[in-house]
Amino acid sequence: MTVFDLFALLGGVGLFLYGMTIMSTGLKNAAGDNLRTILEHATTNRFVAVLVGIAVTILIQSSSATDVMVIGFVNSGLMSLAQAIGIIMGANIGTTITAQLTAFNLSQFAPLILFVGAVMYLFLKKNLVRYIGMVILGFGMLFEGIAIMKSAITPLSNTPTFIGFLSTLSNPILALLFGLAFTALVQSSSSSIVIFQAFAMQGILEYHIAVYLIMGAAVGSVTPNLLASLTANRKGKRTAILNLMFNIFRAIILMILIHIFPQILDGIQHLSPNDIGRQIANTHTIFAIIAVLIELPFASKIIALAERIIPVTQEEIGATADRKLVYMDNIRVSTIPPAVLLSDAKREICRMGEYSTKALRLSMECFFELDEKKVNEVLELEDTVDYLNRAITEGLVVYRSHNMTTRDIKRISMLTLVVSDLERISDHAKEFALYASQLGQQIAKISDDGMSDLRRFADIMQESVRLCLEIFETEQFDRVPEAERLCNIVDEMQVELTNNHIERLTTMNCDPTGGIIYTDMLTGMERCSAHAINVACALTDHPS
């Protein structure tokens, strides 16, 4: 094998990987937000969750992408581990479709597929058509990359060094570890399986070695998820561990099965005799299905193991209890009088307001005290507010289908706006807290006068927010002028403090780096007051 054959092999692998990325991106863009919505609303029925995982992964051609989305949902409290494990198991089946597709010998048609995809993507203007063109273009790249790989690896069959390396893989453990390491390197089990297919179809990799490479690839496919979980909270990390545990158990179970019942491999081979590419694809799919069928009944045990590896803290237990509707728990009961439903909705929104104001208060402490320990508490509260924002909004939409008067529907509309304003206050609190954790050195550069001004501004702003939420809760609308007066003071102070800041900059009494954070804080706090006055005035024309 010459160095140019090696270049061709690497180029084929690169083209294949890029084709996978292009195809996955096109499919996700074509589907829009539907995939995230489907995953977010996966039911607690694990069998349905498995089917959802299969369907979504077939659509986006990437189990890693599905798993990363699941980590994000669990991280934000939108999904439980019980829901996540079903989708993860389904993703392991869905990802096998790539090897099934590439087992077809379509290399002769790859140039035509590339041409059609390129024309659709480059020359047609409708976004959906262009996204479909991306899919077709990526599909063509897959097969063109495989064709290049096949051509490049042919000389390897006569290379003593490579033949000697393959002979070491006759040891099942070594083959499994190589499959794991190779997949961790390319960051995709689909890609590594297809590369193994190409080697086998050229006659330089035996089927029984490929079987163990497939097992290792399944474990190695978890690498992107483990990396993604590094920036996640404990729940996100627990989800990645859940995926790892599933695939480790999968490898152990399958190794035991094929050693006790070698007829399994014989049966798979007989499904497509004389077609090793299809045999590998079928093995990949059948192994995934067997693993899910065996492990699904023990899903709760796997979840318990993940929770032992990363124990559930008291703070998490409290957050889980917070992330549920307390007063709007009978959303779909149509016999409840509208007045009661609206009263329950308002109580739920007031509860959400308590979390928003607490997050705001703690964020101020984080910023002025540079207390990074409280940052996580702010982030947890913000996640809770995000959950309540979605749940309450969805509940209010359902309320509209009940026997509501025009006046009731207007009140629902105003309550929906209040939910949005409270969520925005929480978002600003998150920003303030992250300043403390990420930009502490720059905050320290704010002058003493500047920091003193910010503290005064923060006190007035928090009083404005507190008063506005109290007016909303009690509906003491005669106090709205008082709230408006405070809001105007906040607006006037922002102008005054901005001018003071500009003067300090011109006299070199303030560091410009810290000054950027200073102005951002002024703007963010003024927006909190503005959202709060919206809350106070929301029901003035629609009181209960």
Protein backbone atom coordinates (compact mmCIF):
# COMPACT_ATOMS: atom_id res chain seq x y z
CA MET A 1 0.00 0.00 0.00
CA THR A 2 1.46 3.35 -1.09
CA VAL A 3 1.17 6.66 0.70
CA PHE A 4 -1.30 7.75 -2.01
CA ASP A 5 -3.54 4.79 -1.17
CA LEU A 6 -3.47 5.98 2.43
CA PHE A 7 -4.40 9.49 1.31
CA ALA A 8 -7.29 8.04 -0.70
CA LEU A 9 -8.47 6.02 2.30
CA LEU A 10 -8.38 9.07 4.57
CA GLY A 11 -10.16 11.14 1.92
CA GLY A 12 -12.86 8.49 1.57
CA VAL A 13 -13.37 8.40 5.34
CA GLY A 14 -13.49 12.20 5.44
CA LEU A 15 -16.02 12.37 2.61
CA PHE A 16 -18.16 9.73 4.28
CA LEU A 17 -18.11 11.53 7.66
CA TYR A 18 -18.91 14.86 6.03
CA GLY A 19 -21.73 13.22 4.08
CA MET A 20 -23.15 11.91 7.34
CA THR A 21 -23.00 15.42 8.82
CA ILE A 22 -24.60 17.04 5.77
CA MET A 23 -27.39 14.44 5.66
CA SER A 24 -28.06 14.77 9.40
CA THR A 25 -28.13 18.58 9.21
CA GLY A 26 -30.49 18.53 6.24
CA LEU A 27 -32.87 16.13 7.96
CA LYS A 28 -32.89 18.17 11.18
CA ASN A 29 -33.49 21.43 9.27
CA ALA A 30 -36.28 19.86 7.22
CA ALA A 31 -37.97 18.60 10.36
CA GLY A 32 -37.58 21.96 12.12
CA ASP A 33 -38.57 22.01 15.79
CA ASN A 34 -40.80 18.95 15.38
CA LEU A 35 -38.05 16.55 16.53
CA ARG A 36 -37.49 18.47 19.75
CA THR A 37 -41.25 18.63 20.33
CA ILE A 38 -41.62 14.88 19.79
CA LEU A 39 -38.80 14.13 22.21
CA GLU A 40 -40.00 16.66 24.78
CA HIS A 41 -43.46 15.07 24.85
CA ALA A 42 -42.30 11.45 24.96
CA THR A 43 -44.62 9.69 27.35
CA THR A 44 -43.71 7.84 30.50
CA ASN A 45 -44.60 4.63 28.65
CA ARG A 46 -41.15 3.20 27.98
CA PHE A 47 -42.26 1.21 24.95
CA VAL A 48 -43.57 4.38 23.31
CA ALA A 49 -40.35 6.17 24.28
CA VAL A 50 -38.34 3.40 22.55
CA LEU A 51 -40.40 3.88 19.37
CA VAL A 52 -39.88 7.66 19.58
CA GLY A 53 -36.13 7.12 19.95
CA ILE A 54 -36.08 4.83 16.90
CA ALA A 55 -38.12 7.23 14.76
CA VAL A 56 -36.18 10.38 15.65
CA THR A 57 -32.79 8.70 15.18
CA ILE A 58 -33.80 7.28 11.79
CA LEU A 59 -34.81 10.80 10.78
CA ILE A 60 -31.61 12.53 11.84
CA GLN A 61 -29.27 9.57 11.25
CA SER A 62 -27.41 10.12 14.50
CA SER A 63 -27.97 8.41 17.83
CA SER A 64 -25.43 10.80 19.35
CA ALA A 65 -27.53 13.81 18.31
CA THR A 66 -30.65 12.20 19.77
CA ASP A 67 -28.85 11.37 23.01
CA VAL A 68 -27.41 14.89 23.30
CA MET A 69 -30.93 16.34 22.94
CA VAL A 70 -32.14 13.93 25.62
CA ILE A 71 -29.31 15.03 27.93
CA GLY A 72 -30.42 18.62 27.38
CA PHE A 73 -34.06 17.81 28.22
CA VAL A 74 -33.14 15.91 31.39
CA ASN A 75 -30.68 18.68 32.27
CA SER A 76 -33.49 21.27 32.11
CA GLY A 77 -36.03 19.12 33.93
CA LEU A 78 -38.28 18.55 30.89
CA MET A 79 -37.72 14.82 30.92
CA SER A 80 -37.16 12.20 33.60
CA LEU A 81 -34.56 9.44 33.50
CA ALA A 82 -37.43 6.96 33.12
CA GLN A 83 -38.42 8.68 29.85
CA ALA A 84 -34.81 9.18 28.77
CA ILE A 85 -33.78 5.54 29.00
CA GLY A 86 -36.51 4.46 26.59
CA ILE A 87 -35.45 7.04 24.00
CA ILE A 88 -31.77 6.12 24.45
CA MET A 89 -32.57 2.45 23.86
CA GLY A 90 -34.62 3.35 20.79
CA ALA A 91 -31.79 5.51 19.45
CA ASN A 92 -29.48 2.49 19.59
CA ILE A 93 -31.85 0.66 17.24
CA GLY A 94 -32.53 3.66 14.99
CA THR A 95 -28.85 4.30 14.34
CA THR A 96 -28.46 0.87 12.69
CA ILE A 97 -30.42 2.06 9.64
CA THR A 98 -27.27 3.71 8.27
CA ALA A 99 -25.45 0.39 7.94
CA GLN A 100 -28.57 -1.11 6.35
CA LEU A 101 -28.57 1.63 3.72
CA THR A 102 -24.87 1.43 2.98
CA ALA A 103 -25.10 -2.36 2.59
CA PHE A 104 -26.75 -1.62 -0.75
CA ASN A 105 -24.18 -1.28 -3.51
CA LEU A 106 -25.16 2.13 -4.86
CA SER A 107 -21.67 3.39 -5.64
CA GLN A 108 -22.42 3.45 -9.37
CA PHE A 109 -25.27 5.85 -8.78
CA ALA A 110 -23.37 8.09 -6.31
CA PRO A 111 -22.35 10.71 -8.96
CA LEU A 112 -25.97 11.09 -10.11
CA ILE A 113 -27.20 11.34 -6.50
CA LEU A 114 -24.55 14.02 -5.84
CA PHE A 115 -25.62 15.96 -8.93
CA VAL A 116 -29.32 15.91 -8.02
CA GLY A 117 -28.58 16.94 -4.43
CA ALA A 118 -26.25 19.76 -5.52
CA VAL A 119 -28.81 21.17 -7.98
CA MET A 120 -31.56 21.14 -5.36
CA TYR A 121 -29.36 22.73 -2.71
CA LEU A 122 -27.58 25.35 -4.84
CA PHE A 123 -30.20 26.46 -7.37
CA LEU A 124 -33.62 26.07 -5.74
CA LYS A 125 -34.80 28.76 -3.34
CA LYS A 126 -37.47 27.08 -1.23
CA ASN A 127 -35.91 26.18 2.12
CA LEU A 128 -37.59 22.79 2.48
CA VAL A 129 -36.43 21.75 -1.01
CA ARG A 130 -32.90 22.95 -0.25
CA TYR A 131 -32.86 20.93 2.99
CA ILE A 132 -34.00 17.84 1.10
CA GLY A 133 -31.23 18.61 -1.39
CA MET A 134 -28.76 18.60 1.53
CA VAL A 135 -30.03 15.16 2.52
CA ILE A 136 -29.62 13.81 -1.01
CA LEU A 137 -26.20 15.45 -1.32
CA GLY A 138 -25.07 13.88 1.96
CA PHE A 139 -26.49 10.53 0.83
CA GLY A 140 -24.40 10.71 -2.34
CA MET A 141 -21.30 11.62 -0.34
CA LEU A 142 -21.82 8.52 1.80
CA PHE A 143 -21.67 6.17 -1.16
CA GLU A 144 -18.91 8.08 -2.96
CA GLY A 145 -16.84 7.98 0.23
CA ILE A 146 -17.45 4.23 0.55
CA ALA A 147 -16.41 3.71 -3.09
CA ILE A 148 -13.17 5.62 -2.49
CA MET A 149 -12.50 3.62 0.69
CA LYS A 150 -13.10 0.30 -1.06
CA SER A 151 -10.71 1.22 -3.83
CA ALA A 152 -8.05 2.49 -1.41
CA ILE A 153 -8.09 -0.50 0.95
CA THR A 154 -7.78 -3.18 -1.73
CA PRO A 155 -3.93 -3.10 -1.52
CA LEU A 156 -4.19 -3.67 2.25
CA SER A 157 -5.13 -7.30 1.65
CA ASN A 158 -1.56 -7.86 0.47
CA THR A 159 0.12 -5.83 3.25
CA PRO A 160 1.80 -8.13 5.83
CA THR A 161 1.74 -5.48 8.58
CA PHE A 162 -1.99 -4.92 8.25
CA ILE A 163 -2.72 -8.63 8.00
CA GLY A 164 -0.69 -9.14 11.18
CA PHE A 165 -2.68 -6.42 12.92
CA LEU A 166 -5.98 -8.01 11.93
CA SER A 167 -4.80 -11.37 13.26
CA THR A 168 -4.53 -9.81 16.74
CA LEU A 169 -8.21 -8.88 16.53
CA SER A 170 -9.13 -12.56 16.48
CA ASN A 171 -9.08 -12.15 20.26
CA PRO A 172 -12.67 -11.04 21.08
CA ILE A 173 -11.63 -8.68 23.87
CA LEU A 174 -9.03 -6.95 21.69
CA ALA A 175 -11.52 -6.64 18.83
CA LEU A 176 -14.12 -5.14 21.17
CA LEU A 177 -11.61 -2.65 22.58
CA PHE A 178 -10.46 -1.67 19.09
CA GLY A 179 -14.08 -1.10 18.02
CA LEU A 180 -14.60 1.04 21.12
CA ALA A 181 -11.45 3.11 20.57
CA PHE A 182 -12.04 3.57 16.84
CA THR A 183 -15.64 4.72 17.38
CA ALA A 184 -14.58 7.09 20.15
CA LEU A 185 -12.09 8.55 17.65
CA VAL A 186 -14.57 9.09 14.79
CA GLN A 187 -17.36 10.06 17.26
CA SER A 188 -19.99 7.98 15.45
CA SER A 189 -20.94 4.31 15.67
CA SER A 190 -22.70 4.53 12.30
CA SER A 191 -19.51 5.74 10.67
CA SER A 192 -17.28 3.10 12.26
CA ILE A 193 -19.70 0.27 11.38
CA VAL A 194 -19.78 1.40 7.74
CA ILE A 195 -15.98 1.53 7.66
CA PHE A 196 -15.85 -2.01 9.08
CA GLN A 197 -18.35 -2.99 6.39
CA ALA A 198 -16.07 -1.61 3.70
CA PHE A 199 -13.12 -3.60 5.04
CA ALA A 200 -15.18 -6.78 5.20
CA MET A 201 -16.61 -6.33 1.70
CA GLN A 202 -13.06 -6.10 0.38
CA GLY A 203 -12.25 -9.44 1.99
CA ILE A 204 -9.75 -8.19 4.57
CA LEU A 205 -11.99 -8.46 7.65
CA GLU A 206 -13.74 -11.64 8.72
CA TYR A 207 -17.35 -11.64 9.86
CA HIS A 208 -16.63 -13.10 13.30
CA ILE A 209 -14.10 -10.34 14.01
CA ALA A 210 -16.56 -7.71 12.79
CA VAL A 211 -19.11 -8.99 15.32
CA TYR A 212 -16.91 -7.90 18.24
CA LEU A 213 -16.00 -4.65 16.53
CA ILE A 214 -19.75 -3.91 16.38
CA MET A 215 -20.08 -4.54 20.13
CA GLY A 216 -17.17 -2.22 20.87
CA ALA A 217 -18.56 0.44 18.54
CA ALA A 218 -21.80 0.54 20.55
CA VAL A 219 -19.86 1.35 23.74
CA GLY A 220 -17.60 3.84 21.96
CA SER A 221 -20.63 5.68 20.55
CA VAL A 222 -21.31 7.05 24.04
CA THR A 223 -18.19 9.25 23.89
CA PRO A 224 -19.92 12.33 22.37
CA ASN A 225 -22.61 12.10 25.04
CA LEU A 226 -20.06 11.88 27.85
CA LEU A 227 -18.34 14.95 26.43
CA ALA A 228 -21.66 16.80 26.11
CA SER A 229 -22.51 15.99 29.72
CA LEU A 230 -19.37 17.70 31.05
CA THR A 231 -21.14 21.06 30.91
CA ALA A 232 -24.48 19.65 32.14
CA ASN A 233 -25.75 19.48 35.69
CA ARG A 234 -25.90 16.26 37.72
CA LYS A 235 -29.06 15.12 35.95
CA GLY A 236 -27.43 15.56 32.54
CA LYS A 237 -24.33 13.66 33.67
CA ARG A 238 -26.57 10.92 35.07
CA THR A 239 -28.23 10.58 31.65
CA ALA A 240 -24.87 10.09 29.94
CA ILE A 241 -23.93 7.46 32.55
CA LEU A 242 -27.29 5.79 31.88
CA ASN A 243 -26.41 5.51 28.20
CA LEU A 244 -22.95 4.16 29.04
CA MET A 245 -24.38 1.55 31.42
CA PHE A 246 -26.89 0.39 28.82
CA ASN A 247 -24.19 -0.15 26.20
CA ILE A 248 -21.74 -1.83 28.58
CA PHE A 249 -24.46 -4.27 29.67
CA ARG A 250 -25.34 -4.70 26.00
CA ALA A 251 -21.79 -5.79 25.15
CA ILE A 252 -21.61 -8.17 28.13
CA ILE A 253 -25.01 -9.75 27.39
CA LEU A 254 -24.28 -10.23 23.69
CA MET A 255 -20.85 -11.75 24.34
CA ILE A 256 -22.42 -14.25 26.74
CA LEU A 257 -25.23 -15.06 24.31
CA ILE A 258 -23.09 -15.73 21.26
CA HIS A 259 -20.72 -17.90 23.28
CA ILE A 260 -23.57 -19.96 24.70
CA PHE A 261 -25.59 -19.93 21.46
CA PRO A 262 -23.19 -19.60 18.51
CA GLN A 263 -26.16 -20.52 16.32
CA ILE A 264 -27.25 -16.86 16.62
CA LEU A 265 -24.39 -15.76 14.36
CA ASP A 266 -24.98 -18.66 11.98
CA GLY A 267 -28.63 -17.66 11.71
CA ILE A 268 -27.73 -14.03 10.96
CA GLN A 269 -25.31 -15.12 8.25
CA HIS A 270 -27.93 -17.37 6.67
CA LEU A 271 -30.26 -14.38 6.31
CA SER A 272 -27.99 -12.98 3.60
CA PRO A 273 -25.47 -15.64 2.46
CA ASN A 274 -22.47 -14.45 0.45
CA ASP A 275 -23.15 -10.79 1.35
CA ILE A 276 -20.92 -9.90 4.30
CA GLY A 277 -21.87 -6.22 4.11
CA ARG A 278 -25.51 -7.09 4.69
CA GLN A 279 -24.52 -9.63 7.36
CA ILE A 280 -22.73 -6.90 9.32
CA ALA A 281 -25.69 -4.53 8.92
CA ASN A 282 -28.12 -7.22 10.09
CA THR A 283 -25.87 -8.08 13.04
CA HIS A 284 -25.78 -4.42 14.05
CA THR A 285 -29.59 -4.17 13.93
CA ILE A 286 -30.39 -7.54 15.51
CA PHE A 287 -27.89 -7.02 18.34
CA ALA A 288 -29.48 -3.65 19.14
CA ILE A 289 -32.99 -5.14 19.18
CA ILE A 290 -31.91 -8.08 21.38
CA ALA A 291 -30.21 -5.71 23.84
CA VAL A 292 -33.31 -3.52 24.12
CA LEU A 293 -35.64 -6.49 24.57
CA ILE A 294 -33.46 -7.89 27.35
CA GLU A 295 -32.62 -4.64 29.14
CA LEU A 296 -35.92 -2.74 28.87
CA PRO A 297 -37.61 -4.75 31.65
CA PHE A 298 -34.65 -3.86 33.89
CA ALA A 299 -34.68 -0.15 33.01
CA SER A 300 -35.49 0.86 36.58
CA LYS A 301 -32.47 -1.12 37.83
CA ILE A 302 -30.19 0.65 35.33
CA ILE A 303 -31.61 4.01 36.43
CA ALA A 304 -30.97 3.08 40.08
CA LEU A 305 -27.37 2.18 39.22
CA ALA A 306 -26.85 5.53 37.47
CA GLU A 307 -28.26 7.28 40.54
CA ARG A 308 -25.84 5.37 42.76
CA ILE A 309 -22.90 6.43 40.61
CA ILE A 310 -24.08 10.06 40.69
CA PRO A 311 -26.30 10.25 43.81
CA VAL A 312 -29.42 12.41 43.84
CA THR A 313 -28.88 15.38 46.18
CA GLN A 314 -31.45 17.00 48.45
CA GLU A 315 -31.36 20.08 46.22
CA GLU A 316 -32.34 17.94 43.23
CA ILE A 317 -35.18 16.35 45.18
CA GLY A 318 -36.44 19.82 46.04
CA ALA A 319 -36.11 21.01 42.43
CA THR A 320 -38.04 17.97 41.19
CA ALA A 321 -40.83 18.72 43.65
CA ASP A 322 -40.91 22.34 42.45
CA ARG A 323 -41.14 21.40 38.76
CA LYS A 324 -44.76 20.40 38.70
CA LEU A 325 -48.07 22.19 38.66
CA VAL A 326 -49.49 22.53 42.16
CA TYR A 327 -52.73 24.47 41.58
CA MET A 328 -53.39 23.74 37.89
CA ASP A 329 -53.43 19.97 38.37
CA ASN A 330 -56.90 19.50 36.85
CA ILE A 331 -56.24 21.23 33.55
CA ARG A 332 -58.45 19.00 31.40
CA VAL A 333 -61.39 18.64 33.78
CA SER A 334 -64.10 20.55 31.89
CA THR A 335 -66.64 20.45 34.74
CA ILE A 336 -64.67 22.86 36.93
CA PRO A 337 -66.17 26.40 36.81
CA PRO A 338 -64.08 28.89 34.77
CA ALA A 339 -63.75 31.19 37.80
CA VAL A 340 -62.06 28.40 39.76
CA LEU A 341 -59.76 27.53 36.86
CA LEU A 342 -58.66 31.13 36.47
CA SER A 343 -58.11 31.49 40.21
CA ASP A 344 -55.94 28.35 40.21
CA ALA A 345 -53.98 29.69 37.23
CA LYS A 346 -53.31 32.96 39.00
CA ARG A 347 -52.12 31.15 42.15
CA GLU A 348 -49.77 29.05 39.99
CA ILE A 349 -48.41 32.18 38.34
CA CYS A 350 -47.86 33.81 41.74
CA ARG A 351 -45.91 30.72 42.73
CA MET A 352 -43.82 31.11 39.58
CA GLY A 353 -43.29 34.76 40.52
CA GLU A 354 -41.84 33.70 43.88
CA TYR A 355 -39.21 31.60 42.11
CA SER A 356 -38.40 34.47 39.72
CA THR A 357 -37.95 37.02 42.50
CA LYS A 358 -35.89 34.59 44.57
CA ALA A 359 -33.64 33.96 41.57
CA LEU A 360 -33.32 37.73 41.10
CA ARG A 361 -32.43 38.31 44.76
CA LEU A 362 -29.82 35.53 44.77
CA SER A 363 -28.35 36.79 41.49
CA MET A 364 -27.77 40.20 43.07
CA GLU A 365 -25.98 38.49 45.95
CA CYS A 366 -23.91 36.50 43.45
CA PHE A 367 -22.91 39.64 41.60
CA PHE A 368 -22.12 42.00 44.47
CA GLU A 369 -20.51 39.39 46.72
CA LEU A 370 -18.92 37.44 43.84
CA ASP A 371 -20.41 34.36 45.49
CA GLU A 372 -20.10 31.55 42.93
CA LYS A 373 -21.68 29.04 45.34
CA LYS A 374 -25.09 30.62 44.80
CA VAL A 375 -24.82 30.55 41.01
CA ASN A 376 -26.01 26.93 40.76
CA GLU A 377 -28.98 27.76 42.96
CA VAL A 378 -29.93 30.58 40.58
CA LEU A 379 -29.58 28.24 37.60
CA GLU A 380 -31.78 25.63 39.28
CA LEU A 381 -34.43 28.27 40.01
CA GLU A 382 -34.24 29.48 36.42
CA ASP A 383 -34.78 25.91 35.16
CA THR A 384 -37.82 25.66 37.47
CA VAL A 385 -39.22 28.93 36.09
CA ASP A 386 -38.64 27.69 32.52
CA TYR A 387 -40.56 24.52 33.31
CA LEU A 388 -43.46 26.45 34.89
CA ASN A 389 -43.46 28.87 31.96
CA ARG A 390 -44.09 26.02 29.52
CA ALA A 391 -46.49 24.07 31.76
CA ILE A 392 -48.63 27.08 32.73
CA THR A 393 -48.75 28.40 29.15
CA GLU A 394 -49.86 25.00 27.86
CA GLY A 395 -52.47 24.85 30.63
CA LEU A 396 -53.83 28.29 29.73
CA VAL A 397 -54.16 27.19 26.10
CA VAL A 398 -56.23 24.20 27.26
CA TYR A 399 -58.39 26.51 29.40
CA ARG A 400 -59.43 28.35 26.23
CA SER A 401 -61.23 25.20 25.06
CA HIS A 402 -63.45 25.23 28.16
CA ASN A 403 -66.71 27.18 28.40
CA MET A 404 -65.07 30.56 28.78
CA THR A 405 -66.70 33.94 28.26
CA THR A 406 -65.04 36.65 26.17
CA ARG A 407 -63.99 38.35 29.41
CA ASP A 408 -62.45 35.10 30.70
CA ILE A 409 -60.51 34.61 27.47
CA LYS A 410 -59.13 38.16 27.71
CA ARG A 411 -58.01 37.43 31.28
CA ILE A 412 -56.29 34.25 30.06
CA SER A 413 -54.47 36.30 27.43
CA MET A 414 -53.24 38.75 30.06
CA LEU A 415 -52.17 35.92 32.38
CA THR A 416 -50.17 34.42 29.50
CA LEU A 417 -48.32 37.73 29.10
CA VAL A 418 -47.59 37.80 32.85
CA VAL A 419 -46.03 34.33 32.61
CA SER A 420 -43.78 35.57 29.81
CA ASP A 421 -42.71 38.66 31.81
CA LEU A 422 -41.87 36.56 34.88
CA GLU A 423 -39.81 34.20 32.72
CA ARG A 424 -37.85 37.15 31.31
CA ILE A 425 -37.07 38.42 34.84
CA SER A 426 -35.69 34.97 35.63
CA ASP A 427 -33.61 35.04 32.43
CA HIS A 428 -32.03 38.33 33.51
CA ALA A 429 -31.30 36.84 36.95
CA LYS A 430 -29.45 34.00 35.24
CA GLU A 431 -27.38 36.52 33.25
CA PHE A 432 -26.47 38.44 36.43
CA ALA A 433 -25.42 35.24 38.19
CA LEU A 434 -23.30 34.08 35.26
CA TYR A 435 -21.44 37.39 35.31
CA ALA A 436 -20.29 36.48 38.82
CA SER A 437 -19.14 33.00 37.85
CA GLN A 438 -17.53 33.86 34.50
CA LEU A 439 -16.43 37.49 34.70
CA GLY A 440 -15.39 37.96 38.32
CA GLN A 441 -12.10 39.61 37.41
CA GLN A 442 -13.80 42.18 35.19
CA ILE A 443 -16.44 42.92 37.86
CA ALA A 444 -13.62 43.64 40.31
CA LYS A 445 -12.43 46.37 37.92
CA ILE A 446 -15.62 48.39 38.37
CA SER A 447 -14.80 51.49 40.42
CA ASP A 448 -16.02 51.88 44.00
CA ASP A 449 -18.34 54.71 42.95
CA GLY A 450 -19.70 52.60 40.12
CA MET A 451 -20.32 49.63 42.40
CA SER A 452 -22.03 51.89 44.96
CA ASP A 453 -24.33 53.24 42.24
CA LEU A 454 -25.15 49.72 41.09
CA ARG A 455 -26.09 48.66 44.63
CA ARG A 456 -28.48 51.61 44.99
CA PHE A 457 -29.96 50.85 41.60
CA ALA A 458 -30.37 47.16 42.47
CA ASP A 459 -32.19 48.00 45.71
CA ILE A 460 -34.68 50.28 43.94
CA MET A 461 -35.16 47.75 41.13
CA GLN A 462 -35.85 44.87 43.53
CA GLU A 463 -38.33 47.01 45.49
CA SER A 464 -40.06 47.83 42.20
CA VAL A 465 -40.29 44.14 41.27
CA ARG A 466 -41.51 43.14 44.74
CA LEU A 467 -44.25 45.79 44.77
CA CYS A 468 -45.44 44.95 41.26
CA LEU A 469 -45.81 41.24 42.03
CA GLU A 470 -47.64 42.08 45.26
CA ILE A 471 -50.09 44.24 43.30
CA PHE A 472 -50.66 41.40 40.82
CA GLU A 473 -51.28 38.87 43.59
CA THR A 474 -53.60 41.05 45.71
CA GLU A 475 -55.14 42.99 42.79
CA GLN A 476 -54.77 46.20 44.80
CA PHE A 477 -54.75 48.27 41.65
CA ASP A 478 -54.97 51.53 43.59
CA ARG A 479 -51.26 50.96 44.29
CA VAL A 480 -50.33 50.92 40.58
CA PRO A 481 -49.39 54.65 40.64
CA GLU A 482 -46.88 53.85 43.41
CA ALA A 483 -45.42 51.06 41.26
CA GLU A 484 -45.28 53.38 38.23
CA ARG A 485 -43.48 55.99 40.33
CA LEU A 486 -40.82 53.41 41.31
CA CYS A 487 -40.52 52.28 37.70
CA ASN A 488 -39.97 55.90 36.60
CA ILE A 489 -37.32 56.31 39.30
CA VAL A 490 -35.55 53.24 37.87
CA ASP A 491 -35.68 54.74 34.38
CA GLU A 492 -34.35 58.10 35.57
CA MET A 493 -31.62 56.43 37.62
CA GLN A 494 -30.47 54.44 34.61
CA VAL A 495 -29.93 57.66 32.67
CA GLU A 496 -28.23 59.32 35.63
CA LEU A 497 -25.92 56.40 36.37
CA THR A 498 -25.06 55.99 32.70
CA ASN A 499 -24.00 59.64 32.56
CA ASN A 500 -21.96 59.18 35.75
CA HIS A 501 -20.28 56.19 34.16
CA ILE A 502 -19.44 58.11 30.99
CA GLU A 503 -17.91 60.86 33.10
CA ARG A 504 -15.76 58.34 34.99
CA LEU A 505 -14.59 56.86 31.70
CA THR A 506 -13.59 60.26 30.32
CA THR A 507 -11.66 61.10 33.48
CA MET A 508 -9.99 57.64 33.47
CA ASN A 509 -11.58 56.79 36.84
CA CYS A 510 -13.15 53.57 35.53
CA ASP A 511 -11.70 50.59 33.71
CA PRO A 512 -13.40 50.18 30.28
CA THR A 513 -13.55 46.38 30.65
CA GLY A 514 -15.51 46.60 33.88
CA GLY A 515 -17.53 49.41 32.33
CA ILE A 516 -19.07 47.05 29.77
CA ILE A 517 -20.47 44.85 32.53
CA TYR A 518 -21.62 47.97 34.39
CA THR A 519 -23.77 49.19 31.48
CA ASP A 520 -25.08 45.67 30.81
CA MET A 521 -26.16 45.41 34.45
CA LEU A 522 -27.93 48.77 34.29
CA THR A 523 -29.80 47.72 31.17
CA GLY A 524 -30.70 44.28 32.53
CA MET A 525 -31.99 45.65 35.84
CA GLU A 526 -34.04 48.33 34.08
CA ARG A 527 -35.63 45.59 31.94
CA CYS A 528 -36.54 43.66 35.11
CA SER A 529 -38.41 46.70 36.40
CA ALA A 530 -40.14 47.15 33.03
CA HIS A 531 -41.30 43.52 32.99
CA ALA A 532 -42.50 43.90 36.57
CA ILE A 533 -44.69 46.94 35.81
CA ASN A 534 -46.26 44.93 32.99
CA VAL A 535 -47.16 42.29 35.59
CA ALA A 536 -48.66 44.88 37.95
CA CYS A 537 -50.84 46.42 35.25
CA ALA A 538 -51.79 43.20 33.44
CA LEU A 539 -55.16 42.67 35.15
CA THR A 540 -56.20 46.29 35.71
CA ASP A 541 -58.82 46.03 32.95
CA HIS A 542 -59.70 42.39 33.74
CA PRO A 543 -59.90 42.04 37.54
CA SER A 544 -61.39 38.94 39.11
